Amino acid sequence: MNTRRVVVLDYGTGNVHSAVKALEQAGAEVSLTADRTQALEADGLLVPGVGAFSAVMSGLKAVRGDDVIDRRLAGGRPVLGICVGMQVLFERGVERGVDTEGLGEWPGVVTELPAPVLPHMGWNTVDAPADSVLFDGIRGERFYFVHSYGAQKWTLDVMPPFPQPRLTWAEHGGPFLAAVENGPLSATQFHPEKSGDAGIRLLHNWLDSLG
């Protein structure tokens, strides 16, 4: 595999350096930047995210990250969202009564998980489809989650000739989306960079799919 150039979008969120290190360990050449040109031209763009949905959206808009993501996807250029970086890909997020508009790449609303204990923190299994690219070779592994909110329904209706999205589910008080693979746009609710060897393998699988 040729070395893939990946930009980790730097818009003020936390936990970016562990994502950079994990991608490097997976074999990528990584830049941490908000530079628009680099973000548009890289082989892959990783959108991290921790904290509140509204804060992540504000940070993205401050560096025009919303436009960068939209332009990349319009050109079929791969994007990977992680944690709240996945959540903001949906239309809206509702947290503690605050209703915030998301990027709208997918329909649906991110809401609080119906679990007696929140946040959902720690290791959990996921149910990945047989044809998943991200989970190739790591089905049955556990991944590290830290979140209280999630997308609990999938409502995007994809018609042929476009391929059906690959949906991976997990459970905490009820089912929620743990990962989505939808053309050039992929995302995980869990943190691959905190998920040990399985997380590195997932990032390697994503890198291998670029180009």
Foldseek 3Di string as FASTA:
>chain_A
DPAFEEEEEDQPAPPVVLVQVLLVVLRHRYDHYLDLVSLQPGLEYEYEDDDDLQVSQVSCVVSVVLVSVVVCVVVLRAYEYEASRVQLCEQWEADPNDIGGGSHVFYAYKYFAQAPDDDPFAKFAKAWDPPDLLCVPPHPAIFTAHGGIATQDHDDDDDPPADDKTFMWTDHNHIGTQKIGGRRYIYGNTDLSPGPPSSSSSSSSNSVPGD
